[in-house]
Amino acid sequence: MRMLSIGMLSGVLALGLAGCGTTTGERALSGAGLGAAAGAGTAAMTGGSVTRGAVIGGGLGAAAGAATTRDDIDLGRRRR
């Protein structure tokens, strides 16, 4: 149960941070990096395979980043 909770928390955090970037490619790339870091960290804390966690997290982060649009996450910038 604890592993599931940590995994879900990491997924939510990766989704929230995947909006970093102005183009779809930038958001996918930043989402992949953040997701890989979150996945590896979660796997390390739970005793799982760090490589597998990084790959899964990177894939989910990239997908979340590519699925977001510029307007999904407002970073406090005003658009003209």
PDB file of N, CA and C in Angstrom:
ATOM      1  N   MET A   1       0.821  -1.191   0.000  1.00  0.00           N
ATOM      2  CA  MET A   1       0.000   0.000   0.000  1.00  0.00           C
ATOM      3  C   MET A   1       0.871   1.264   0.000  1.00  0.00           C
ATOM      4  N   ARG A   2       1.954   1.234   0.767  1.00  0.00           N
ATOM      5  CA  ARG A   2       2.832   2.398   0.835  1.00  0.00           C
ATOM      6  C   ARG A   2       3.471   2.666  -0.532  1.00  0.00           C
ATOM      7  N   MET A   3       3.867   1.605  -1.237  1.00  0.00           N
ATOM      8  CA  MET A   3       4.484   1.780  -2.555  1.00  0.00           C
ATOM      9  C   MET A   3       3.501   2.426  -3.517  1.00  0.00           C
ATOM     10  N   LEU A   4       2.241   2.031  -3.438  1.00  0.00           N
ATOM     11  CA  LEU A   4       1.220   2.604  -4.313  1.00  0.00           C
ATOM     12  C   LEU A   4       1.028   4.086  -4.008  1.00  0.00           C
ATOM     13  N   SER A   5       1.003   4.434  -2.728  1.00  0.00           N
ATOM     14  CA  SER A   5       0.835   5.838  -2.344  1.00  0.00           C
ATOM     15  C   SER A   5       2.000   6.696  -2.826  1.00  0.00           C
ATOM     16  N   ILE A   6       3.214   6.204  -2.659  1.00  0.00           N
ATOM     17  CA  ILE A   6       4.390   6.953  -3.104  1.00  0.00           C
ATOM     18  C   ILE A   6       4.388   7.081  -4.619  1.00  0.00           C
ATOM     19  N   GLY A   7       4.024   6.017  -5.307  1.00  0.00           N
ATOM     20  CA  GLY A   7       3.955   6.060  -6.766  1.00  0.00           C
ATOM     21  C   GLY A   7       2.919   7.048  -7.261  1.00  0.00           C
ATOM     22  N   MET A   8       1.776   7.068  -6.625  1.00  0.00           N
ATOM     23  CA  MET A   8       0.725   8.006  -7.032  1.00  0.00           C
ATOM     24  C   MET A   8       1.137   9.443  -6.751  1.00  0.00           C
ATOM     25  N   LEU A   9       1.781   9.681  -5.617  1.00  0.00           N
ATOM     26  CA  LEU A   9       2.251  11.021  -5.302  1.00  0.00           C
ATOM     27  C   LEU A   9       3.286  11.490  -6.317  1.00  0.00           C
ATOM     28  N   SER A  10       4.189  10.614  -6.681  1.00  0.00           N
ATOM     29  CA  SER A  10       5.200  10.955  -7.688  1.00  0.00           C
ATOM     30  C   SER A  10       4.553  11.270  -9.028  1.00  0.00           C
ATOM     31  N   GLY A  11       3.550  10.498  -9.380  1.00  0.00           N
ATOM     32  CA  GLY A  11       2.846  10.743 -10.638  1.00  0.00           C
ATOM     33  C   GLY A  11       2.151  12.090 -10.660  1.00  0.00           C
ATOM     34  N   VAL A  12       1.515  12.445  -9.568  1.00  0.00           N
ATOM     35  CA  VAL A  12       0.832  13.733  -9.478  1.00  0.00           C
ATOM     36  C   VAL A  12       1.837  14.879  -9.556  1.00  0.00           C
ATOM     37  N   LEU A  13       2.955  14.728  -8.848  1.00  0.00           N
ATOM     38  CA  LEU A  13       3.985  15.762  -8.893  1.00  0.00           C
ATOM     39  C   LEU A  13       4.579  15.902 -10.299  1.00  0.00           C
ATOM     40  N   ALA A  14       4.826  14.779 -10.941  1.00  0.00           N
ATOM     41  CA  ALA A  14       5.379  14.824 -12.295  1.00  0.00           C
ATOM     42  C   ALA A  14       4.397  15.483 -13.260  1.00  0.00           C
ATOM     43  N   LEU A  15       3.123  15.192 -13.098  1.00  0.00           N
ATOM     44  CA  LEU A  15       2.110  15.803 -13.963  1.00  0.00           C
ATOM     45  C   LEU A  15       2.075  17.310 -13.756  1.00  0.00           C
ATOM     46  N   GLY A  16       2.153  17.737 -12.507  1.00  0.00           N
ATOM     47  CA  GLY A  16       2.137  19.165 -12.223  1.00  0.00           C
ATOM     48  C   GLY A  16       3.354  19.892 -12.757  1.00  0.00           C
ATOM     49  N   LEU A  17       4.495  19.246 -12.703  1.00  0.00           N
ATOM     50  CA  LEU A  17       5.723  19.882 -13.166  1.00  0.00           C
ATOM     51  C   LEU A  17       5.948  19.724 -14.665  1.00  0.00           C
ATOM     52  N   ALA A  18       5.165  18.894 -15.297  1.00  0.00           N
ATOM     53  CA  ALA A  18       5.360  18.652 -16.720  1.00  0.00           C
ATOM     54  C   ALA A  18       5.002  19.859 -17.576  1.00  0.00           C
ATOM     55  N   GLY A  19       4.359  20.847 -16.996  1.00  0.00           N
ATOM     56  CA  GLY A  19       3.979  22.031 -17.750  1.00  0.00           C
ATOM     57  C   GLY A  19       5.120  22.999 -17.977  1.00  0.00           C
ATOM     58  N   CYS A  20       6.318  22.699 -17.524  1.00  0.00           N
ATOM     59  CA  CYS A  20       7.465  23.593 -17.707  1.00  0.00           C
ATOM     60  C   CYS A  20       7.904  23.565 -19.171  1.00  0.00           C
ATOM     61  N   GLY A  21       7.833  24.681 -19.833  1.00  0.00           N
ATOM     62  CA  GLY A  21       8.218  24.768 -21.240  1.00  0.00           C
ATOM     63  C   GLY A  21       7.139  25.465 -22.033  1.00  0.00           C
ATOM     64  N   THR A  22       7.531  26.046 -23.150  1.00  0.00           N
ATOM     65  CA  THR A  22       6.549  26.774 -23.945  1.00  0.00           C
ATOM     66  C   THR A  22       6.043  25.977 -25.140  1.00  0.00           C
ATOM     67  N   THR A  23       6.819  25.033 -25.626  1.00  0.00           N
ATOM     68  CA  THR A  23       6.368  24.214 -26.750  1.00  0.00           C
ATOM     69  C   THR A  23       6.059  22.807 -26.257  1.00  0.00           C
ATOM     70  N   THR A  24       5.358  22.049 -27.066  1.00  0.00           N
ATOM     71  CA  THR A  24       5.033  20.674 -26.705  1.00  0.00           C
ATOM     72  C   THR A  24       6.293  19.852 -26.489  1.00  0.00           C
ATOM     73  N   GLY A  25       7.284  20.032 -27.338  1.00  0.00           N
ATOM     74  CA  GLY A  25       8.544  19.293 -27.204  1.00  0.00           C
ATOM     75  C   GLY A  25       9.281  19.632 -25.918  1.00  0.00           C
ATOM     76  N   GLU A  26       9.295  20.914 -25.557  1.00  0.00           N
ATOM     77  CA  GLU A  26       9.953  21.322 -24.309  1.00  0.00           C
ATOM     78  C   GLU A  26       9.244  20.742 -23.097  1.00  0.00           C
ATOM     79  N   ARG A  27       7.914  20.767 -23.122  1.00  0.00           N
ATOM     80  CA  ARG A  27       7.162  20.195 -22.002  1.00  0.00           C
ATOM     81  C   ARG A  27       7.357  18.691 -21.914  1.00  0.00           C
ATOM     82  N   ALA A  28       7.417  18.012 -23.048  1.00  0.00           N
ATOM     83  CA  ALA A  28       7.654  16.569 -23.039  1.00  0.00           C
ATOM     84  C   ALA A  28       9.049  16.254 -22.502  1.00  0.00           C
ATOM     85  N   LEU A  29      10.033  17.045 -22.910  1.00  0.00           N
ATOM     86  CA  LEU A  29      11.403  16.824 -22.456  1.00  0.00           C
ATOM     87  C   LEU A  29      11.556  17.107 -20.964  1.00  0.00           C
ATOM     88  N   SER A  30      10.999  18.216 -20.493  1.00  0.00           N
ATOM     89  CA  SER A  30      11.105  18.508 -19.066  1.00  0.00           C
ATOM     90  C   SER A  30      10.298  17.508 -18.249  1.00  0.00           C
ATOM     91  N   GLY A  31       9.161  17.092 -18.770  1.00  0.00           N
ATOM     92  CA  GLY A  31       8.362  16.070 -18.081  1.00  0.00           C
ATOM     93  C   GLY A  31       9.090  14.750 -17.993  1.00  0.00           C
ATOM     94  N   ALA A  32       9.806  14.390 -19.063  1.00  0.00           N
ATOM     95  CA  ALA A  32      10.572  13.142 -19.052  1.00  0.00           C
ATOM     96  C   ALA A  32      11.683  13.188 -18.012  1.00  0.00           C
ATOM     97  N   GLY A  33      12.381  14.305 -17.946  1.00  0.00           N
ATOM     98  CA  GLY A  33      13.466  14.429 -16.963  1.00  0.00           C
ATOM     99  C   GLY A  33      12.965  14.398 -15.536  1.00  0.00           C
ATOM    100  N   LEU A  34      11.903  15.160 -15.284  1.00  0.00           N
ATOM    101  CA  LEU A  34      11.341  15.189 -13.937  1.00  0.00           C
ATOM    102  C   LEU A  34      10.712  13.852 -13.566  1.00  0.00           C
ATOM    103  N   GLY A  35      10.052  13.226 -14.526  1.00  0.00           N
ATOM    104  CA  GLY A  35       9.447  11.918 -14.257  1.00  0.00           C
ATOM    105  C   GLY A  35      10.484  10.845 -13.993  1.00  0.00           C
ATOM    106  N   ALA A  36      11.588  10.880 -14.744  1.00  0.00           N
ATOM    107  CA  ALA A  36      12.664   9.915 -14.525  1.00  0.00           C
ATOM    108  C   ALA A  36      13.275  10.087 -13.146  1.00  0.00           C
ATOM    109  N   ALA A  37      13.478  11.337 -12.751  1.00  0.00           N
ATOM    110  CA  ALA A  37      14.032  11.594 -11.417  1.00  0.00           C
ATOM    111  C   ALA A  37      13.075  11.138 -10.323  1.00  0.00           C
ATOM    112  N   ALA A  38      11.799  11.435 -10.490  1.00  0.00           N
ATOM    113  CA  ALA A  38      10.809  11.018  -9.497  1.00  0.00           C
ATOM    114  C   ALA A  38      10.675   9.496  -9.450  1.00  0.00           C
ATOM    115  N   GLY A  39      10.691   8.861 -10.615  1.00  0.00           N
ATOM    116  CA  GLY A  39      10.589   7.405 -10.660  1.00  0.00           C
ATOM    117  C   GLY A  39      11.791   6.712 -10.040  1.00  0.00           C
ATOM    118  N   ALA A  40      12.979   7.228 -10.335  1.00  0.00           N
ATOM    119  CA  ALA A  40      14.192   6.641  -9.756  1.00  0.00           C
ATOM    120  C   ALA A  40      14.225   6.847  -8.248  1.00  0.00           C
ATOM    121  N   GLY A  41      13.835   8.033  -7.806  1.00  0.00           N
ATOM    122  CA  GLY A  41      13.807   8.306  -6.371  1.00  0.00           C
ATOM    123  C   GLY A  41      12.802   7.453  -5.632  1.00  0.00           C
ATOM    124  N   THR A  42      11.630   7.288  -6.225  1.00  0.00           N
ATOM    125  CA  THR A  42      10.609   6.442  -5.613  1.00  0.00           C
ATOM    126  C   THR A  42      11.068   4.998  -5.537  1.00  0.00           C
ATOM    127  N   ALA A  43      11.670   4.511  -6.612  1.00  0.00           N
ATOM    128  CA  ALA A  43      12.160   3.131  -6.621  1.00  0.00           C
ATOM    129  C   ALA A  43      13.269   2.939  -5.588  1.00  0.00           C
ATOM    130  N   ALA A  44      14.137   3.925  -5.458  1.00  0.00           N
ATOM    131  CA  ALA A  44      15.219   3.814  -4.478  1.00  0.00           C
ATOM    132  C   ALA A  44      14.669   3.778  -3.055  1.00  0.00           C
ATOM    133  N   MET A  45      13.647   4.563  -2.784  1.00  0.00           N
ATOM    134  CA  MET A  45      13.069   4.603  -1.435  1.00  0.00           C
ATOM    135  C   MET A  45      12.290   3.342  -1.101  1.00  0.00           C
ATOM    136  N   THR A  46      11.721   2.710  -2.117  1.00  0.00           N
ATOM    137  CA  THR A  46      10.885   1.532  -1.865  1.00  0.00           C
ATOM    138  C   THR A  46      11.616   0.222  -2.089  1.00  0.00           C
ATOM    139  N   GLY A  47      12.886   0.293  -2.498  1.00  0.00           N
ATOM    140  CA  GLY A  47      13.657  -0.927  -2.697  1.00  0.00           C
ATOM    141  C   GLY A  47      13.460  -1.563  -4.063  1.00  0.00           C
ATOM    142  N   GLY A  48      12.887  -0.843  -4.997  1.00  0.00           N
ATOM    143  CA  GLY A  48      12.668  -1.369  -6.340  1.00  0.00           C
ATOM    144  C   GLY A  48      13.861  -1.104  -7.239  1.00  0.00           C
ATOM    145  N   SER A  49      13.710  -1.457  -8.490  1.00  0.00           N
ATOM    146  CA  SER A  49      14.749  -1.233  -9.484  1.00  0.00           C
ATOM    147  C   SER A  49      14.769   0.247  -9.881  1.00  0.00           C
ATOM    148  N   VAL A  50      15.889   0.903  -9.620  1.00  0.00           N
ATOM    149  CA  VAL A  50      16.020   2.325  -9.932  1.00  0.00           C
ATOM    150  C   VAL A  50      15.911   2.554 -11.439  1.00  0.00           C
ATOM    151  N   THR A  51      16.512   1.678 -12.217  1.00  0.00           N
ATOM    152  CA  THR A  51      16.455   1.816 -13.678  1.00  0.00           C
ATOM    153  C   THR A  51      15.025   1.692 -14.173  1.00  0.00           C
ATOM    154  N   ARG A  52      14.318   0.696 -13.693  1.00  0.00           N
ATOM    155  CA  ARG A  52      12.928   0.501 -14.104  1.00  0.00           C
ATOM    156  C   ARG A  52      12.072   1.698 -13.678  1.00  0.00           C
ATOM    157  N   GLY A  53      12.295   2.193 -12.470  1.00  0.00           N
ATOM    158  CA  GLY A  53      11.555   3.362 -12.001  1.00  0.00           C
ATOM    159  C   GLY A  53      11.816   4.585 -12.855  1.00  0.00           C
ATOM    160  N   ALA A  54      13.083   4.775 -13.251  1.00  0.00           N
ATOM    161  CA  ALA A  54      13.433   5.922 -14.092  1.00  0.00           C
ATOM    162  C   ALA A  54      12.788   5.811 -15.472  1.00  0.00           C
ATOM    163  N   VAL A  55      12.787   4.626 -16.026  1.00  0.00           N
ATOM    164  CA  VAL A  55      12.191   4.429 -17.361  1.00  0.00           C
ATOM    165  C   VAL A  55      10.681   4.656 -17.321  1.00  0.00           C
ATOM    166  N   ILE A  56      10.035   4.079 -16.332  1.00  0.00           N
ATOM    167  CA  ILE A  56       8.582   4.243 -16.222  1.00  0.00           C
ATOM    168  C   ILE A  56       8.241   5.705 -15.932  1.00  0.00           C
ATOM    169  N   GLY A  57       8.940   6.305 -14.982  1.00  0.00           N
ATOM    170  CA  GLY A  57       8.689   7.710 -14.655  1.00  0.00           C
ATOM    171  C   GLY A  57       8.964   8.635 -15.823  1.00  0.00           C
ATOM    172  N   GLY A  58      10.046   8.369 -16.555  1.00  0.00           N
ATOM    173  CA  GLY A  58      10.364   9.183 -17.722  1.00  0.00           C
ATOM    174  C   GLY A  58       9.297   9.089 -18.797  1.00  0.00           C
ATOM    175  N   GLY A  59       8.804   7.893 -19.030  1.00  0.00           N
ATOM    176  CA  GLY A  59       7.745   7.711 -20.024  1.00  0.00           C
ATOM    177  C   GLY A  59       6.461   8.409 -19.630  1.00  0.00           C
ATOM    178  N   LEU A  60       6.076   8.262 -18.365  1.00  0.00           N
ATOM    179  CA  LEU A  60       4.852   8.924 -17.897  1.00  0.00           C
ATOM    180  C   LEU A  60       5.007  10.443 -17.891  1.00  0.00           C
ATOM    181  N   GLY A  61       6.185  10.909 -17.487  1.00  0.00           N
ATOM    182  CA  GLY A  61       6.433  12.351 -17.481  1.00  0.00           C
ATOM    183  C   GLY A  61       6.414  12.943 -18.875  1.00  0.00           C
ATOM    184  N   ALA A  62       7.011  12.238 -19.825  1.00  0.00           N
ATOM    185  CA  ALA A  62       7.008  12.717 -21.214  1.00  0.00           C
ATOM    186  C   ALA A  62       5.591  12.758 -21.768  1.00  0.00           C
ATOM    187  N   ALA A  63       4.806  11.735 -21.467  1.00  0.00           N
ATOM    188  CA  ALA A  63       3.424  11.702 -21.944  1.00  0.00           C
ATOM    189  C   ALA A  63       2.603  12.831 -21.321  1.00  0.00           C
ATOM    190  N   ALA A  64       2.807  13.057 -20.033  1.00  0.00           N
ATOM    191  CA  ALA A  64       2.075  14.136 -19.363  1.00  0.00           C
ATOM    192  C   ALA A  64       2.499  15.495 -19.910  1.00  0.00           C
ATOM    193  N   GLY A  65       3.791  15.675 -20.143  1.00  0.00           N
ATOM    194  CA  GLY A  65       4.266  16.940 -20.697  1.00  0.00           C
ATOM    195  C   GLY A  65       3.745  17.190 -22.093  1.00  0.00           C
ATOM    196  N   ALA A  66       3.698  16.157 -22.901  1.00  0.00           N
ATOM    197  CA  ALA A  66       3.201  16.304 -24.268  1.00  0.00           C
ATOM    198  C   ALA A  66       1.693  16.539 -24.293  1.00  0.00           C
ATOM    199  N   ALA A  67       0.994  16.056 -23.275  1.00  0.00           N
ATOM    200  CA  ALA A  67      -0.466  16.191 -23.239  1.00  0.00           C
ATOM    201  C   ALA A  67      -0.917  17.551 -22.722  1.00  0.00           C
ATOM    202  N   THR A  68      -0.021  18.305 -22.080  1.00  0.00           N
ATOM    203  CA  THR A  68      -0.407  19.610 -21.553  1.00  0.00           C
ATOM    204  C   THR A  68      -0.257  20.679 -22.630  1.00  0.00           C
ATOM    205  N   THR A  69      -1.016  21.734 -22.466  1.00  0.00           N
ATOM    206  CA  THR A  69      -0.892  22.881 -23.365  1.00  0.00           C
ATOM    207  C   THR A  69      -0.328  24.058 -22.584  1.00  0.00           C
ATOM    208  N   ARG A  70       0.004  25.080 -23.288  1.00  0.00           N
ATOM    209  CA  ARG A  70       0.591  26.253 -22.657  1.00  0.00           C
ATOM    210  C   ARG A  70      -0.347  26.857 -21.620  1.00  0.00           C
ATOM    211  N   ASP A  71      -1.649  26.730 -21.832  1.00  0.00           N
ATOM    212  CA  ASP A  71      -2.634  27.333 -20.938  1.00  0.00           C
ATOM    213  C   ASP A  71      -3.025  26.436 -19.770  1.00  0.00           C
ATOM    214  N   ASP A  72      -2.586  25.187 -19.754  1.00  0.00           N
ATOM    215  CA  ASP A  72      -2.948  24.279 -18.672  1.00  0.00           C
ATOM    216  C   ASP A  72      -2.371  24.702 -17.334  1.00  0.00           C
ATOM    217  N   ILE A  73      -1.160  25.222 -17.355  1.00  0.00           N
ATOM    218  CA  ILE A  73      -0.499  25.613 -16.117  1.00  0.00           C
ATOM    219  C   ILE A  73      -0.074  27.062 -16.250  1.00  0.00           C
ATOM    220  N   ASP A  74      -0.592  27.906 -15.381  1.00  0.00           N
ATOM    221  CA  ASP A  74      -0.275  29.328 -15.387  1.00  0.00           C
ATOM    222  C   ASP A  74       0.852  29.562 -14.388  1.00  0.00           C
ATOM    223  N   LEU A  75       2.000  29.978 -14.867  1.00  0.00           N
ATOM    224  CA  LEU A  75       3.148  30.212 -14.000  1.00  0.00           C
ATOM    225  C   LEU A  75       3.228  31.662 -13.545  1.00  0.00           C
ATOM    226  N   GLY A  76       2.104  32.355 -13.588  1.00  0.00           N
ATOM    227  CA  GLY A  76       2.070  33.738 -13.127  1.00  0.00           C
ATOM    228  C   GLY A  76       2.484  34.744 -14.186  1.00  0.00           C
ATOM    229  N   ARG A  77       2.659  34.286 -15.395  1.00  0.00           N
ATOM    230  CA  ARG A  77       3.053  35.181 -16.486  1.00  0.00           C
ATOM    231  C   ARG A  77       1.793  35.731 -17.158  1.00  0.00           C
ATOM    232  N   ARG A  78       1.889  36.974 -17.514  1.00  0.00           N
ATOM    233  CA  ARG A  78       0.771  37.579 -18.243  1.00  0.00           C
ATOM    234  C   ARG A  78       0.998  37.410 -19.726  1.00  0.00           C
ATOM    235  N   ARG A  79      -0.037  36.997 -20.407  1.00  0.00           N
ATOM    236  CA  ARG A  79       0.054  36.824 -21.853  1.00  0.00           C
ATOM    237  C   ARG A  79      -0.596  38.037 -22.525  1.00  0.00           C
ATOM    238  N   ARG A  80      -0.005  38.458 -23.596  1.00  0.00           N
ATOM    239  CA  ARG A  80      -0.544  39.619 -24.320  1.00  0.00           C
ATOM    240  C   ARG A  80      -1.243  39.189 -25.550  1.00  0.00           C
TER     241      ARG A  80
END
